[in-house]
C-alpha atoms as a PDB file:
ATOM      1  CA  MET A   1      37.264   6.186   6.284  1.00  0.00           C
ATOM      2  CA  LEU A   2      35.390   5.449   9.993  1.00  0.00           C
ATOM      3  CA  VAL A   3      33.152   8.607  10.837  1.00  0.00           C
ATOM      4  CA  VAL A   4      32.512   9.028  14.482  1.00  0.00           C
ATOM      5  CA  ASP A   5      31.200  11.889  16.447  1.00  0.00           C
ATOM      6  CA  LYS A   6      33.669  11.779  19.595  1.00  0.00           C
ATOM      7  CA  SER A   7      37.246  10.880  20.099  1.00  0.00           C
ATOM      8  CA  PHE A   8      38.323   7.928  19.368  1.00  0.00           C
ATOM      9  CA  GLU A   9      39.351   7.535  23.162  1.00  0.00           C
ATOM     10  CA  ASP A  10      35.999   7.820  24.340  1.00  0.00           C
ATOM     11  CA  PHE A  11      34.180   5.997  21.116  1.00  0.00           C
ATOM     12  CA  ASP A  12      32.343   2.867  21.706  1.00  0.00           C
ATOM     13  CA  PRO A  13      30.995   1.475  18.788  1.00  0.00           C
ATOM     14  CA  ARG A  14      28.549  -0.782  20.921  1.00  0.00           C
ATOM     15  CA  ASN A  15      26.962   2.805  21.786  1.00  0.00           C
ATOM     16  CA  ASP A  16      27.973   5.350  19.522  1.00  0.00           C
ATOM     17  CA  ASP A  17      27.249   6.570  16.159  1.00  0.00           C
ATOM     18  CA  TRP A  18      29.369   5.570  13.471  1.00  0.00           C
ATOM     19  CA  SER A  19      29.458   5.219   9.960  1.00  0.00           C
ATOM     20  CA  ILE A  20      32.449   3.649   7.482  1.00  0.00           C
ATOM     21  CA  LEU A  21      32.481   5.466   3.968  1.00  0.00           C
ATOM     22  CA  TRP A  22      33.898   3.503   0.925  1.00  0.00           C
ATOM     23  CA  PHE A  23      35.919   5.525  -1.356  1.00  0.00           C
ATOM     24  CA  SER A  24      36.534   2.339  -3.874  1.00  0.00           C
ATOM     25  CA  SER A  25      33.564   3.186  -5.307  1.00  0.00           C
ATOM     26  CA  LEU A  26      35.053   6.421  -6.326  1.00  0.00           C
ATOM     27  CA  ARG A  27      38.117   4.972  -7.943  1.00  0.00           C
ATOM     28  CA  ASN A  28      37.078   6.162 -11.299  1.00  0.00           C
ATOM     29  CA  ARG A  29      36.054   9.757 -10.024  1.00  0.00           C
ATOM     30  CA  PRO A  30      39.434  10.340  -7.615  1.00  0.00           C
ATOM     31  CA  ASP A  31      38.387  14.257  -7.775  1.00  0.00           C
ATOM     32  CA  SER A  32      35.064  13.642  -6.101  1.00  0.00           C
ATOM     33  CA  VAL A  33      36.670  12.612  -2.770  1.00  0.00           C
ATOM     34  CA  ALA A  34      37.645  16.124  -1.882  1.00  0.00           C
ATOM     35  CA  ASP A  35      34.061  17.080  -2.331  1.00  0.00           C
ATOM     36  CA  VAL A  36      32.869  14.545  -0.083  1.00  0.00           C
ATOM     37  CA  LEU A  37      35.041  15.762   2.703  1.00  0.00           C
ATOM     38  CA  HIS A  38      33.943  18.960   2.207  1.00  0.00           C
ATOM     39  CA  LYS A  39      30.349  18.207   2.067  1.00  0.00           C
ATOM     40  CA  LEU A  40      30.727  16.125   5.841  1.00  0.00           C
ATOM     41  CA  ALA A  41      32.576  19.318   6.978  1.00  0.00           C
ATOM     42  CA  VAL A  42      30.093  21.924   5.624  1.00  0.00           C
ATOM     43  CA  LEU A  43      27.398  19.446   7.268  1.00  0.00           C
ATOM     44  CA  SER A  44      29.415  19.654  11.017  1.00  0.00           C
ATOM     45  CA  ARG A  45      30.441  22.769  10.657  1.00  0.00           C
ATOM     46  CA  ASN A  46      26.859  23.674  10.460  1.00  0.00           C
ATOM     47  CA  GLY A  47      25.725  21.766  13.045  1.00  0.00           C
ATOM     48  CA  LYS A  48      23.821  19.345  11.134  1.00  0.00           C
ATOM     49  CA  ASP A  49      23.617  15.386  12.192  1.00  0.00           C
ATOM     50  CA  VAL A  50      26.532  13.538   9.547  1.00  0.00           C
ATOM     51  CA  PHE A  51      24.736  10.393  10.632  1.00  0.00           C
ATOM     52  CA  SER A  52      21.113  11.469   9.985  1.00  0.00           C
ATOM     53  CA  TYR A  53      22.451  12.747   6.141  1.00  0.00           C
ATOM     54  CA  LEU A  54      24.316   9.387   5.725  1.00  0.00           C
ATOM     55  CA  LYS A  55      21.439   7.053   6.455  1.00  0.00           C
ATOM     56  CA  ALA A  56      19.449   8.985   4.242  1.00  0.00           C
ATOM     57  CA  LEU A  57      22.144   8.613   1.627  1.00  0.00           C
ATOM     58  CA  GLN A  58      21.974   4.743   2.436  1.00  0.00           C
ATOM     59  CA  ARG A  59      18.290   4.787   2.036  1.00  0.00           C
ATOM     60  CA  LYS A  60      18.293   6.746  -1.167  1.00  0.00           C
ATOM     61  CA  ASP A  61      20.890   4.421  -2.318  1.00  0.00           C
ATOM     62  CA  LYS A  62      18.922   0.919  -1.295  1.00  0.00           C
ATOM     63  CA  LEU A  63      15.866   2.487  -3.128  1.00  0.00           C
ATOM     64  CA  ALA A  64      17.702   3.797  -6.417  1.00  0.00           C
ATOM     65  CA  SER A  65      19.216   0.075  -6.319  1.00  0.00           C
ATOM     66  CA  MET A  66      14.905  -1.117  -6.770  1.00  0.00           C
ATOM     67  CA  ILE A  67      14.594   1.561  -9.297  1.00  0.00           C
ATOM     68  CA  LYS A  68      16.364  -0.413 -12.191  1.00  0.00           C
ATOM     69  CA  TYR A  69      14.414  -3.085 -12.147  1.00  0.00           C
ATOM     70  CA  LEU A  70      11.760  -1.403 -12.435  1.00  0.00           C
ATOM     71  CA  ARG A  71      11.539  -0.068 -16.163  1.00  0.00           C
ATOM     72  CA  VAL A  72       8.050  -0.001 -16.695  1.00  0.00           C
ATOM     73  CA  ASP A  73       7.014   2.942 -19.091  1.00  0.00           C
ATOM     74  CA  LYS A  74       3.487   3.772 -18.030  1.00  0.00           C
ATOM     75  CA  VAL A  75       0.852   1.802 -16.125  1.00  0.00           C
ATOM     76  CA  GLY A  76      -2.717   2.779 -16.991  1.00  0.00           C
ATOM     77  CA  ALA A  77      -5.197   3.690 -14.154  1.00  0.00           C
ATOM     78  CA  PHE A  78      -8.973   4.470 -15.460  1.00  0.00           C
ATOM     79  CA  GLY A  79      -7.239   6.375 -18.727  1.00  0.00           C
ATOM     80  CA  ILE A  80      -4.789   8.351 -16.590  1.00  0.00           C
ATOM     81  CA  PHE A  81      -0.995   7.292 -16.993  1.00  0.00           C
ATOM     82  CA  ILE A  82       1.005   7.175 -13.941  1.00  0.00           C
ATOM     83  CA  ASP A  83       5.232   7.383 -14.494  1.00  0.00           C
ATOM     84  CA  VAL A  84       6.097   5.044 -11.776  1.00  0.00           C
ATOM     85  CA  GLU A  85      10.230   5.934 -11.849  1.00  0.00           C
ATOM     86  CA  ALA A  86       8.650   9.232 -11.356  1.00  0.00           C
ATOM     87  CA  ILE A  87       7.166   8.460  -8.174  1.00  0.00           C
ATOM     88  CA  ILE A  88       9.964   6.335  -7.098  1.00  0.00           C
ATOM     89  CA  GLY A  89      12.501   9.257  -7.619  1.00  0.00           C
ATOM     90  CA  ASP A  90       9.904  11.660  -5.498  1.00  0.00           C
ATOM     91  CA  ILE A  91       9.749   9.239  -3.091  1.00  0.00           C
ATOM     92  CA  VAL A  92      13.906   9.341  -3.055  1.00  0.00           C
ATOM     93  CA  GLY A  93      14.401  12.845  -3.243  1.00  0.00           C
ATOM     94  CA  ALA A  94      12.073  13.407  -0.447  1.00  0.00           C
ATOM     95  CA  GLU A  95      14.169  11.780   1.963  1.00  0.00           C
ATOM     96  CA  LYS A  96      16.984  14.004   1.383  1.00  0.00           C
END
């Protein structure tokens, strides 16, 4: 689905914000499509920047894909154990 913030007649992909939503990732959960559309409608109705929201999700998705490679249970630093995954998860959550 192509998301634009103006009439398609006035839309210029070289100058205007746009985003594409791939619903194929919801193939196993088709009921979730309504949830996605509802979320976008609520954001738009409340005057929120839908494109900022979608960009934040994209950054979160990219970072989450890197987390799967970091399977370090605990890293010791001067006797204090740091959960690296928790820190990265916190970073991802902060970008919402």
